[in-house]
């Protein structure tokens, strides 16, 4: 059945409860350090979860949550990735040197390579997402003052600033939709904006004033659920996650929380900043995974980390069954 739920299914008291399957090792830095993940699915079933330690750099984990590679680059806040012919191109906002840093990741070789930095005029480089449009890679980087820059990386030319978008207050999470050439941006205090990059038209796709998202709005990701495209959004203010349908006009959605998996001794997720999802069939997860940052890593108390959720658990909670 389509994911069309009544509005009362989105209220705080009715949030679904979903447990993680795995968690990563804690990041090395203490305090508010882990932030944003990206999922890299390579050939031969090799999968990396790359996360930022925003006081240090990047760390790559396998599906068991064990570190596989790392690279120190200073205060990297958000990271995203696109596949290339021989690995992945990663981009991350660097708050230490005010830049977008580019990396090459090769999960099959268990290594990162730093490529270059693109200086940016943002007051404080913060949120970031990226995607591919034709033969160009697009990178969207936002600052804490509401400015979002769109950079183009042509295959045979230097990076260039293509457009600047402005919002009334701080943004962070974003995701590019290559099918519609649209950008979804989370303005932390107001909600999620939908921007048509061809025309510049925008509208507030989901607002905090509606009572579903609770500020701060953080991670924003595009995924599929039962063959429908959905947004997954971190509603940090009430430690929850909201799924919103894209393909059904006013189709609704659902709210859930990630709670402790007592059987496996894994705590839940709270105060989540960044998140990422993939529907690729990977080892142990035939429908893919959702990865979220955990702002309060407990049981035992430790530095922040990332929780891994089987996408089938989300589907089961919403529909009462696992899709074939």
C-alpha atoms as a PDB file:
ATOM      1  CA  UNK A   1       0.000   0.000   0.000  1.00  0.00           C
ATOM      2  CA  UNK A   2       1.165   3.599  -0.530  1.00  0.00           C
ATOM      3  CA  UNK A   3       2.594   5.487   2.400  1.00  0.00           C
ATOM      4  CA  UNK A   4      -0.389   7.782   3.019  1.00  0.00           C
ATOM      5  CA  UNK A   5      -1.015   8.311   6.709  1.00  0.00           C
ATOM      6  CA  UNK A   6      -3.405  10.576   8.554  1.00  0.00           C
ATOM      7  CA  UNK A   7      -1.907  13.683  10.109  1.00  0.00           C
ATOM      8  CA  UNK A   8      -2.377  12.349  13.644  1.00  0.00           C
ATOM      9  CA  UNK A   9       0.138   9.619  12.817  1.00  0.00           C
ATOM     10  CA  UNK A  10       2.741  12.370  12.783  1.00  0.00           C
ATOM     11  CA  UNK A  11       2.154  13.672  16.282  1.00  0.00           C
ATOM     12  CA  UNK A  12       4.682  13.227  19.052  1.00  0.00           C
ATOM     13  CA  UNK A  13       2.741  10.682  21.059  1.00  0.00           C
ATOM     14  CA  UNK A  14       2.319   8.287  18.136  1.00  0.00           C
ATOM     15  CA  UNK A  15       5.933   8.150  16.940  1.00  0.00           C
ATOM     16  CA  UNK A  16       6.967   4.621  16.005  1.00  0.00           C
ATOM     17  CA  UNK A  17       9.884   2.951  17.780  1.00  0.00           C
ATOM     18  CA  UNK A  18      12.642   1.340  15.726  1.00  0.00           C
ATOM     19  CA  UNK A  19      15.856  -0.243  17.037  1.00  0.00           C
ATOM     20  CA  UNK A  20      19.298  -0.085  15.386  1.00  0.00           C
ATOM     21  CA  UNK A  21      21.106  -3.184  14.146  1.00  0.00           C
ATOM     22  CA  UNK A  22      24.679  -1.968  14.665  1.00  0.00           C
ATOM     23  CA  UNK A  23      26.634   1.037  15.839  1.00  0.00           C
ATOM     24  CA  UNK A  24      30.041   2.379  14.942  1.00  0.00           C
ATOM     25  CA  UNK A  25      32.984   2.788  17.225  1.00  0.00           C
ATOM     26  CA  UNK A  26      32.898   6.220  18.912  1.00  0.00           C
ATOM     27  CA  UNK A  27      34.761   9.062  17.235  1.00  0.00           C
ATOM     28  CA  UNK A  28      38.077  10.031  18.777  1.00  0.00           C
ATOM     29  CA  UNK A  29      37.080  13.530  19.846  1.00  0.00           C
ATOM     30  CA  UNK A  30      34.986  14.199  22.935  1.00  0.00           C
ATOM     31  CA  UNK A  31      31.996  16.494  23.261  1.00  0.00           C
ATOM     32  CA  UNK A  32      29.923  17.518  20.255  1.00  0.00           C
ATOM     33  CA  UNK A  33      32.123  15.882  17.630  1.00  0.00           C
ATOM     34  CA  UNK A  34      30.433  13.337  15.337  1.00  0.00           C
ATOM     35  CA  UNK A  35      28.153  14.997  12.832  1.00  0.00           C
ATOM     36  CA  UNK A  36      27.358  13.782   9.327  1.00  0.00           C
ATOM     37  CA  UNK A  37      27.625  10.386   7.573  1.00  0.00           C
ATOM     38  CA  UNK A  38      27.720   9.283   3.932  1.00  0.00           C
ATOM     39  CA  UNK A  39      27.230   5.728   2.646  1.00  0.00           C
ATOM     40  CA  UNK A  40      29.584   4.400  -0.043  1.00  0.00           C
ATOM     41  CA  UNK A  41      28.540   1.136  -1.721  1.00  0.00           C
ATOM     42  CA  UNK A  42      31.388  -0.212  -3.829  1.00  0.00           C
ATOM     43  CA  UNK A  43      31.719  -3.264  -6.034  1.00  0.00           C
ATOM     44  CA  UNK A  44      32.050  -6.739  -4.514  1.00  0.00           C
ATOM     45  CA  UNK A  45      29.694  -5.768  -1.694  1.00  0.00           C
ATOM     46  CA  UNK A  46      32.238  -3.546   0.032  1.00  0.00           C
ATOM     47  CA  UNK A  47      30.435  -0.755   1.902  1.00  0.00           C
ATOM     48  CA  UNK A  48      31.832   2.167   3.839  1.00  0.00           C
ATOM     49  CA  UNK A  49      30.099   4.544   6.204  1.00  0.00           C
ATOM     50  CA  UNK A  50      32.133   7.743   6.160  1.00  0.00           C
ATOM     51  CA  UNK A  51      31.492  10.066   9.080  1.00  0.00           C
ATOM     52  CA  UNK A  52      32.830  13.424  10.182  1.00  0.00           C
ATOM     53  CA  UNK A  53      34.618  13.975  13.435  1.00  0.00           C
ATOM     54  CA  UNK A  54      34.110  17.716  13.264  1.00  0.00           C
ATOM     55  CA  UNK A  55      37.089  18.414  15.502  1.00  0.00           C
ATOM     56  CA  UNK A  56      39.480  16.289  13.458  1.00  0.00           C
ATOM     57  CA  UNK A  57      38.541  14.922   9.998  1.00  0.00           C
ATOM     58  CA  UNK A  58      36.947  11.893   8.316  1.00  0.00           C
ATOM     59  CA  UNK A  59      36.604   8.290   9.475  1.00  0.00           C
ATOM     60  CA  UNK A  60      35.410   5.329   7.395  1.00  0.00           C
ATOM     61  CA  UNK A  61      33.657   2.373   9.055  1.00  0.00           C
ATOM     62  CA  UNK A  62      32.575  -1.003   7.751  1.00  0.00           C
ATOM     63  CA  UNK A  63      29.085  -2.412   8.310  1.00  0.00           C
ATOM     64  CA  UNK A  64      30.201  -3.819  11.665  1.00  0.00           C
ATOM     65  CA  UNK A  65      31.059  -0.280  12.746  1.00  0.00           C
ATOM     66  CA  UNK A  66      34.813  -0.869  12.772  1.00  0.00           C
ATOM     67  CA  UNK A  67      37.158   1.887  11.530  1.00  0.00           C
ATOM     68  CA  UNK A  68      38.769   1.135   8.163  1.00  0.00           C
ATOM     69  CA  UNK A  69      40.504   4.373   7.215  1.00  0.00           C
ATOM     70  CA  UNK A  70      40.754   7.980   8.368  1.00  0.00           C
ATOM     71  CA  UNK A  71      42.202  11.305   7.352  1.00  0.00           C
ATOM     72  CA  UNK A  72      42.900  14.406   9.448  1.00  0.00           C
ATOM     73  CA  UNK A  73      41.799  17.687   7.874  1.00  0.00           C
ATOM     74  CA  UNK A  74      40.617  19.882  10.727  1.00  0.00           C
ATOM     75  CA  UNK A  75      37.018  20.835  11.492  1.00  0.00           C
ATOM     76  CA  UNK A  76      35.081  19.009   8.794  1.00  0.00           C
ATOM     77  CA  UNK A  77      31.365  19.453   9.443  1.00  0.00           C
ATOM     78  CA  UNK A  78      29.303  17.730   6.728  1.00  0.00           C
ATOM     79  CA  UNK A  79      30.291  15.203   4.062  1.00  0.00           C
ATOM     80  CA  UNK A  80      28.715  13.670   0.966  1.00  0.00           C
ATOM     81  CA  UNK A  81      29.845  11.473  -1.903  1.00  0.00           C
ATOM     82  CA  UNK A  82      29.231  10.586  -5.553  1.00  0.00           C
ATOM     83  CA  UNK A  83      30.548   7.483  -7.344  1.00  0.00           C
ATOM     84  CA  UNK A  84      33.355   7.712  -9.895  1.00  0.00           C
ATOM     85  CA  UNK A  85      34.895   5.211 -12.313  1.00  0.00           C
ATOM     86  CA  UNK A  86      37.437   4.037  -9.735  1.00  0.00           C
ATOM     87  CA  UNK A  87      35.932   4.899  -6.365  1.00  0.00           C
ATOM     88  CA  UNK A  88      34.111   7.870  -4.879  1.00  0.00           C
ATOM     89  CA  UNK A  89      34.530  11.622  -4.882  1.00  0.00           C
ATOM     90  CA  UNK A  90      33.848  13.087  -1.441  1.00  0.00           C
ATOM     91  CA  UNK A  91      33.263  16.705  -0.499  1.00  0.00           C
ATOM     92  CA  UNK A  92      33.254  18.140   3.025  1.00  0.00           C
ATOM     93  CA  UNK A  93      32.893  21.609   4.504  1.00  0.00           C
ATOM     94  CA  UNK A  94      36.079  22.648   6.269  1.00  0.00           C
ATOM     95  CA  UNK A  95      35.475  25.235   9.008  1.00  0.00           C
ATOM     96  CA  UNK A  96      39.184  25.458   9.841  1.00  0.00           C
ATOM     97  CA  UNK A  97      40.306  26.922   6.500  1.00  0.00           C
ATOM     98  CA  UNK A  98      36.883  28.044   5.125  1.00  0.00           C
ATOM     99  CA  UNK A  99      36.770  25.698   2.178  1.00  0.00           C
ATOM    100  CA  UNK A 100      35.127  22.747   0.502  1.00  0.00           C
ATOM    101  CA  UNK A 101      37.630  19.901   0.718  1.00  0.00           C
ATOM    102  CA  UNK A 102      37.633  17.187  -1.946  1.00  0.00           C
ATOM    103  CA  UNK A 103      38.760  13.606  -1.350  1.00  0.00           C
ATOM    104  CA  UNK A 104      39.000  10.360  -3.255  1.00  0.00           C
ATOM    105  CA  UNK A 105      37.809   7.278  -1.388  1.00  0.00           C
ATOM    106  CA  UNK A 106      38.633   3.733  -2.455  1.00  0.00           C
ATOM    107  CA  UNK A 107      36.871   1.278  -0.132  1.00  0.00           C
ATOM    108  CA  UNK A 108      38.363  -1.723  -1.925  1.00  0.00           C
ATOM    109  CA  UNK A 109      41.835  -0.346  -1.183  1.00  0.00           C
ATOM    110  CA  UNK A 110      40.876   0.872   2.318  1.00  0.00           C
ATOM    111  CA  UNK A 111      42.179   4.377   1.770  1.00  0.00           C
ATOM    112  CA  UNK A 112      41.371   8.073   1.469  1.00  0.00           C
ATOM    113  CA  UNK A 113      43.290  10.595  -0.599  1.00  0.00           C
ATOM    114  CA  UNK A 114      42.991  14.337  -0.120  1.00  0.00           C
ATOM    115  CA  UNK A 115      42.648  16.012  -3.528  1.00  0.00           C
ATOM    116  CA  UNK A 116      42.256  19.771  -3.081  1.00  0.00           C
ATOM    117  CA  UNK A 117      40.403  22.568  -1.322  1.00  0.00           C
ATOM    118  CA  UNK A 118      38.010  25.053  -2.897  1.00  0.00           C
ATOM    119  CA  UNK A 119      38.082  28.346  -0.950  1.00  0.00           C
ATOM    120  CA  UNK A 120      34.595  29.663  -0.208  1.00  0.00           C
ATOM    121  CA  UNK A 121      33.340  33.063   0.939  1.00  0.00           C
ATOM    122  CA  UNK A 122      30.798  31.582   3.377  1.00  0.00           C
ATOM    123  CA  UNK A 123      30.998  33.097   6.845  1.00  0.00           C
ATOM    124  CA  UNK A 124      31.235  29.627   8.402  1.00  0.00           C
ATOM    125  CA  UNK A 125      31.073  26.583   6.042  1.00  0.00           C
ATOM    126  CA  UNK A 126      28.598  24.195   7.642  1.00  0.00           C
ATOM    127  CA  UNK A 127      26.041  22.087   5.783  1.00  0.00           C
ATOM    128  CA  UNK A 128      26.841  20.248   2.542  1.00  0.00           C
ATOM    129  CA  UNK A 129      25.364  17.881  -0.016  1.00  0.00           C
ATOM    130  CA  UNK A 130      26.309  16.923  -3.559  1.00  0.00           C
ATOM    131  CA  UNK A 131      25.017  15.167  -6.660  1.00  0.00           C
ATOM    132  CA  UNK A 132      25.498  14.699 -10.387  1.00  0.00           C
ATOM    133  CA  UNK A 133      23.768  16.647 -13.156  1.00  0.00           C
ATOM    134  CA  UNK A 134      24.838  15.541 -16.626  1.00  0.00           C
ATOM    135  CA  UNK A 135      28.629  15.542 -16.740  1.00  0.00           C
ATOM    136  CA  UNK A 136      28.900  17.947 -13.832  1.00  0.00           C
ATOM    137  CA  UNK A 137      29.194  17.328 -10.121  1.00  0.00           C
ATOM    138  CA  UNK A 138      27.194  19.809  -8.059  1.00  0.00           C
ATOM    139  CA  UNK A 139      28.177  20.721  -4.514  1.00  0.00           C
ATOM    140  CA  UNK A 140      25.876  22.716  -2.246  1.00  0.00           C
ATOM    141  CA  UNK A 141      27.555  24.276   0.778  1.00  0.00           C
ATOM    142  CA  UNK A 142      25.780  26.397   3.373  1.00  0.00           C
ATOM    143  CA  UNK A 143      26.944  28.817   6.023  1.00  0.00           C
ATOM    144  CA  UNK A 144      25.528  29.582   9.428  1.00  0.00           C
ATOM    145  CA  UNK A 145      24.061  32.902   8.210  1.00  0.00           C
ATOM    146  CA  UNK A 146      21.589  31.312   5.745  1.00  0.00           C
ATOM    147  CA  UNK A 147      23.679  31.524   2.560  1.00  0.00           C
ATOM    148  CA  UNK A 148      23.920  28.372   0.402  1.00  0.00           C
ATOM    149  CA  UNK A 149      26.359  28.252  -2.509  1.00  0.00           C
ATOM    150  CA  UNK A 150      26.056  25.917  -5.493  1.00  0.00           C
ATOM    151  CA  UNK A 151      29.416  24.941  -6.982  1.00  0.00           C
ATOM    152  CA  UNK A 152      29.909  23.157 -10.307  1.00  0.00           C
ATOM    153  CA  UNK A 153      32.721  20.703 -10.941  1.00  0.00           C
ATOM    154  CA  UNK A 154      32.822  20.061 -14.697  1.00  0.00           C
ATOM    155  CA  UNK A 155      34.742  17.017 -15.840  1.00  0.00           C
ATOM    156  CA  UNK A 156      37.378  19.079 -17.681  1.00  0.00           C
ATOM    157  CA  UNK A 157      37.399  22.499 -16.004  1.00  0.00           C
ATOM    158  CA  UNK A 158      37.991  24.294 -12.734  1.00  0.00           C
ATOM    159  CA  UNK A 159      35.282  24.427 -10.054  1.00  0.00           C
ATOM    160  CA  UNK A 160      33.072  27.492 -10.319  1.00  0.00           C
ATOM    161  CA  UNK A 161      30.438  29.172  -8.168  1.00  0.00           C
ATOM    162  CA  UNK A 162      27.215  28.808 -10.154  1.00  0.00           C
ATOM    163  CA  UNK A 163      24.560  30.236  -7.859  1.00  0.00           C
ATOM    164  CA  UNK A 164      23.918  31.598  -4.389  1.00  0.00           C
ATOM    165  CA  UNK A 165      20.715  30.911  -2.469  1.00  0.00           C
ATOM    166  CA  UNK A 166      19.754  32.847   0.621  1.00  0.00           C
ATOM    167  CA  UNK A 167      17.541  31.914   3.543  1.00  0.00           C
ATOM    168  CA  UNK A 168      16.438  33.926   6.558  1.00  0.00           C
ATOM    169  CA  UNK A 169      18.374  31.889   9.102  1.00  0.00           C
ATOM    170  CA  UNK A 170      20.855  29.045   9.527  1.00  0.00           C
ATOM    171  CA  UNK A 171      20.655  26.007   7.252  1.00  0.00           C
ATOM    172  CA  UNK A 172      22.452  22.673   7.468  1.00  0.00           C
ATOM    173  CA  UNK A 173      21.039  19.434   6.060  1.00  0.00           C
ATOM    174  CA  UNK A 174      20.327  19.260   2.337  1.00  0.00           C
ATOM    175  CA  UNK A 175      19.892  16.728  -0.440  1.00  0.00           C
ATOM    176  CA  UNK A 176      19.952  17.021  -4.241  1.00  0.00           C
ATOM    177  CA  UNK A 177      17.239  15.303  -6.308  1.00  0.00           C
ATOM    178  CA  UNK A 178      18.765  14.502  -9.731  1.00  0.00           C
ATOM    179  CA  UNK A 179      15.469  13.246 -11.147  1.00  0.00           C
ATOM    180  CA  UNK A 180      13.785  16.641 -10.823  1.00  0.00           C
ATOM    181  CA  UNK A 181      16.923  18.841 -10.594  1.00  0.00           C
ATOM    182  CA  UNK A 182      15.696  20.076  -7.238  1.00  0.00           C
ATOM    183  CA  UNK A 183      17.328  20.820  -3.934  1.00  0.00           C
ATOM    184  CA  UNK A 184      15.840  20.222  -0.489  1.00  0.00           C
ATOM    185  CA  UNK A 185      17.367  22.389   2.237  1.00  0.00           C
ATOM    186  CA  UNK A 186      16.743  22.235   5.967  1.00  0.00           C
ATOM    187  CA  UNK A 187      16.469  25.677   7.536  1.00  0.00           C
ATOM    188  CA  UNK A 188      16.958  24.739  11.164  1.00  0.00           C
ATOM    189  CA  UNK A 189      14.313  27.006  12.663  1.00  0.00           C
ATOM    190  CA  UNK A 190      11.686  26.878   9.883  1.00  0.00           C
ATOM    191  CA  UNK A 191      11.630  23.509   8.127  1.00  0.00           C
ATOM    192  CA  UNK A 192      12.549  21.945   4.784  1.00  0.00           C
ATOM    193  CA  UNK A 193      12.553  24.018   1.582  1.00  0.00           C
ATOM    194  CA  UNK A 194      12.081  22.596  -1.927  1.00  0.00           C
ATOM    195  CA  UNK A 195      13.921  24.577  -4.621  1.00  0.00           C
ATOM    196  CA  UNK A 196      13.533  24.097  -8.375  1.00  0.00           C
ATOM    197  CA  UNK A 197      17.061  24.772  -9.598  1.00  0.00           C
ATOM    198  CA  UNK A 198      15.921  25.370 -13.180  1.00  0.00           C
ATOM    199  CA  UNK A 199      13.492  28.174 -12.296  1.00  0.00           C
ATOM    200  CA  UNK A 200      14.611  29.256  -8.830  1.00  0.00           C
ATOM    201  CA  UNK A 201      11.111  28.745  -7.462  1.00  0.00           C
ATOM    202  CA  UNK A 202      10.929  27.508  -3.879  1.00  0.00           C
ATOM    203  CA  UNK A 203       8.341  26.616  -1.294  1.00  0.00           C
ATOM    204  CA  UNK A 204       8.387  25.438   2.298  1.00  0.00           C
ATOM    205  CA  UNK A 205       7.863  21.701   1.837  1.00  0.00           C
ATOM    206  CA  UNK A 206       7.555  20.924   5.566  1.00  0.00           C
ATOM    207  CA  UNK A 207       7.355  23.608   8.254  1.00  0.00           C
ATOM    208  CA  UNK A 208       8.203  23.455  11.943  1.00  0.00           C
ATOM    209  CA  UNK A 209       5.085  25.522  12.657  1.00  0.00           C
ATOM    210  CA  UNK A 210       2.982  22.523  11.559  1.00  0.00           C
ATOM    211  CA  UNK A 211       4.136  20.657  14.680  1.00  0.00           C
ATOM    212  CA  UNK A 212       5.636  17.663  12.861  1.00  0.00           C
ATOM    213  CA  UNK A 213       9.233  18.812  12.586  1.00  0.00           C
ATOM    214  CA  UNK A 214      10.607  20.287  15.801  1.00  0.00           C
ATOM    215  CA  UNK A 215      13.528  22.686  15.496  1.00  0.00           C
ATOM    216  CA  UNK A 216      16.328  22.223  15.000  1.00  0.00           C
ATOM    217  CA  UNK A 217      15.807  20.622  11.589  1.00  0.00           C
ATOM    218  CA  UNK A 218      19.077  18.828  10.857  1.00  0.00           C
ATOM    219  CA  UNK A 219      19.888  15.971   8.437  1.00  0.00           C
ATOM    220  CA  UNK A 220      17.845  15.655   5.219  1.00  0.00           C
ATOM    221  CA  UNK A 221      18.096  12.632   2.906  1.00  0.00           C
ATOM    222  CA  UNK A 222      16.279  11.214  -0.127  1.00  0.00           C
ATOM    223  CA  UNK A 223      15.453   7.514  -0.220  1.00  0.00           C
ATOM    224  CA  UNK A 224      12.801   5.027  -1.377  1.00  0.00           C
ATOM    225  CA  UNK A 225      10.208   3.215   0.691  1.00  0.00           C
ATOM    226  CA  UNK A 226       7.934   0.656  -0.965  1.00  0.00           C
ATOM    227  CA  UNK A 227       8.828   2.131  -4.398  1.00  0.00           C
ATOM    228  CA  UNK A 228       7.931   5.668  -3.271  1.00  0.00           C
ATOM    229  CA  UNK A 229      10.487   8.428  -2.961  1.00  0.00           C
ATOM    230  CA  UNK A 230      10.635   9.874   0.533  1.00  0.00           C
ATOM    231  CA  UNK A 231      12.568  12.425   2.518  1.00  0.00           C
ATOM    232  CA  UNK A 232      14.027  11.362   5.853  1.00  0.00           C
ATOM    233  CA  UNK A 233      14.557  14.348   8.144  1.00  0.00           C
ATOM    234  CA  UNK A 234      16.135  14.631  11.585  1.00  0.00           C
ATOM    235  CA  UNK A 235      13.727  16.467  13.911  1.00  0.00           C
ATOM    236  CA  UNK A 236      16.349  17.198  16.530  1.00  0.00           C
ATOM    237  CA  UNK A 237      14.105  19.150  18.884  1.00  0.00           C
ATOM    238  CA  UNK A 238      12.118  16.065  19.875  1.00  0.00           C
ATOM    239  CA  UNK A 239      14.749  13.364  19.170  1.00  0.00           C
ATOM    240  CA  UNK A 240      12.788  11.918  16.256  1.00  0.00           C
ATOM    241  CA  UNK A 241      12.868  11.336  12.515  1.00  0.00           C
ATOM    242  CA  UNK A 242      10.191  12.245   9.993  1.00  0.00           C
ATOM    243  CA  UNK A 243       9.519  10.505   6.676  1.00  0.00           C
ATOM    244  CA  UNK A 244       7.733  12.643   4.082  1.00  0.00           C
ATOM    245  CA  UNK A 245       6.490  11.362   0.736  1.00  0.00           C
ATOM    246  CA  UNK A 246       7.512  13.130  -2.479  1.00  0.00           C
ATOM    247  CA  UNK A 247       5.603  11.381  -5.252  1.00  0.00           C
ATOM    248  CA  UNK A 248       2.100  11.611  -3.777  1.00  0.00           C
ATOM    249  CA  UNK A 249       0.801  15.195  -3.476  1.00  0.00           C
ATOM    250  CA  UNK A 250       0.063  15.904   0.195  1.00  0.00           C
ATOM    251  CA  UNK A 251       0.712  12.219   0.775  1.00  0.00           C
ATOM    252  CA  UNK A 252       1.724  12.563   4.398  1.00  0.00           C
ATOM    253  CA  UNK A 253       4.362  10.507   6.103  1.00  0.00           C
ATOM    254  CA  UNK A 254       5.358   9.124   9.469  1.00  0.00           C
ATOM    255  CA  UNK A 255       7.436   9.913  12.530  1.00  0.00           C
ATOM    256  CA  UNK A 256       9.688   7.463  14.357  1.00  0.00           C
ATOM    257  CA  UNK A 257      12.342   7.316  17.041  1.00  0.00           C
ATOM    258  CA  UNK A 258      15.432   5.140  17.179  1.00  0.00           C
ATOM    259  CA  UNK A 259      15.340   3.373  20.531  1.00  0.00           C
ATOM    260  CA  UNK A 260      17.690   0.979  22.302  1.00  0.00           C
ATOM    261  CA  UNK A 261      18.219  -2.526  20.985  1.00  0.00           C
ATOM    262  CA  UNK A 262      18.412  -4.160  24.395  1.00  0.00           C
ATOM    263  CA  UNK A 263      19.122  -7.602  22.963  1.00  0.00           C
ATOM    264  CA  UNK A 264      22.273  -6.357  21.240  1.00  0.00           C
ATOM    265  CA  UNK A 265      23.218  -3.816  23.890  1.00  0.00           C
ATOM    266  CA  UNK A 266      22.987  -0.845  21.518  1.00  0.00           C
ATOM    267  CA  UNK A 267      21.483   2.406  22.756  1.00  0.00           C
ATOM    268  CA  UNK A 268      19.132   4.539  20.675  1.00  0.00           C
ATOM    269  CA  UNK A 269      19.834   7.815  18.895  1.00  0.00           C
ATOM    270  CA  UNK A 270      19.098  11.302  20.182  1.00  0.00           C
ATOM    271  CA  UNK A 271      20.032  14.891  19.290  1.00  0.00           C
ATOM    272  CA  UNK A 272      20.791  13.624  15.777  1.00  0.00           C
ATOM    273  CA  UNK A 273      22.630  15.969  13.428  1.00  0.00           C
ATOM    274  CA  UNK A 274      23.399  14.313  10.086  1.00  0.00           C
ATOM    275  CA  UNK A 275      21.983  11.163   8.533  1.00  0.00           C
ATOM    276  CA  UNK A 276      22.294   9.144   5.318  1.00  0.00           C
ATOM    277  CA  UNK A 277      20.426   6.305   3.663  1.00  0.00           C
ATOM    278  CA  UNK A 278      20.970   3.863   0.836  1.00  0.00           C
ATOM    279  CA  UNK A 279      18.538   1.401  -0.722  1.00  0.00           C
ATOM    280  CA  UNK A 280      21.342  -0.631  -2.278  1.00  0.00           C
ATOM    281  CA  UNK A 281      21.250  -4.319  -1.411  1.00  0.00           C
ATOM    282  CA  UNK A 282      24.332  -4.824   0.726  1.00  0.00           C
ATOM    283  CA  UNK A 283      25.632  -7.610   2.918  1.00  0.00           C
ATOM    284  CA  UNK A 284      22.981  -8.363   5.544  1.00  0.00           C
ATOM    285  CA  UNK A 285      20.705  -5.540   4.439  1.00  0.00           C
ATOM    286  CA  UNK A 286      18.815  -6.458   1.243  1.00  0.00           C
ATOM    287  CA  UNK A 287      16.784  -3.218   1.291  1.00  0.00           C
ATOM    288  CA  UNK A 288      19.621  -0.978   2.459  1.00  0.00           C
ATOM    289  CA  UNK A 289      20.323   1.018   5.595  1.00  0.00           C
ATOM    290  CA  UNK A 290      19.741   4.303   7.372  1.00  0.00           C
ATOM    291  CA  UNK A 291      22.715   5.727   9.275  1.00  0.00           C
ATOM    292  CA  UNK A 292      22.229   8.485  11.862  1.00  0.00           C
ATOM    293  CA  UNK A 293      24.537  10.417  14.140  1.00  0.00           C
ATOM    294  CA  UNK A 294      23.925   9.867  17.848  1.00  0.00           C
ATOM    295  CA  UNK A 295      24.433  12.989  19.945  1.00  0.00           C
ATOM    296  CA  UNK A 296      24.271  11.146  23.281  1.00  0.00           C
ATOM    297  CA  UNK A 297      26.038   7.801  23.054  1.00  0.00           C
ATOM    298  CA  UNK A 298      25.112   5.783  26.131  1.00  0.00           C
ATOM    299  CA  UNK A 299      25.239   2.236  27.480  1.00  0.00           C
ATOM    300  CA  UNK A 300      28.080   2.711  28.160  1.00  0.00           C
ATOM    301  CA  UNK A 301      28.683   6.472  28.062  1.00  0.00           C
ATOM    302  CA  UNK A 302      31.167   7.203  25.304  1.00  0.00           C
ATOM    303  CA  UNK A 303      32.057   9.728  22.626  1.00  0.00           C
ATOM    304  CA  UNK A 304      29.438  10.264  19.943  1.00  0.00           C
ATOM    305  CA  UNK A 305      28.995   7.704  17.172  1.00  0.00           C
ATOM    306  CA  UNK A 306      26.668   6.574  14.376  1.00  0.00           C
ATOM    307  CA  UNK A 307      23.776   4.095  14.527  1.00  0.00           C
ATOM    308  CA  UNK A 308      22.955   1.713  11.641  1.00  0.00           C
ATOM    309  CA  UNK A 309      19.284   0.853  11.063  1.00  0.00           C
ATOM    310  CA  UNK A 310      18.101  -1.940   8.756  1.00  0.00           C
ATOM    311  CA  UNK A 311      15.764  -0.327   6.215  1.00  0.00           C
ATOM    312  CA  UNK A 312      13.490  -3.385   6.532  1.00  0.00           C
ATOM    313  CA  UNK A 313      12.845  -2.439  10.155  1.00  0.00           C
ATOM    314  CA  UNK A 314      11.541   0.942   9.026  1.00  0.00           C
ATOM    315  CA  UNK A 315       9.378  -0.668   6.355  1.00  0.00           C
ATOM    316  CA  UNK A 316       8.024  -3.211   8.822  1.00  0.00           C
ATOM    317  CA  UNK A 317       7.168  -0.569  11.390  1.00  0.00           C
ATOM    318  CA  UNK A 318       5.306   1.523   8.815  1.00  0.00           C
ATOM    319  CA  UNK A 319       3.556  -1.235   6.893  1.00  0.00           C
ATOM    320  CA  UNK A 320       3.570  -4.235   9.198  1.00  0.00           C
ATOM    321  CA  UNK A 321       5.404  -6.363   6.681  1.00  0.00           C
ATOM    322  CA  UNK A 322       8.654  -6.632   4.732  1.00  0.00           C
ATOM    323  CA  UNK A 323       8.408  -5.815   1.038  1.00  0.00           C
ATOM    324  CA  UNK A 324       9.403  -8.626  -1.320  1.00  0.00           C
END
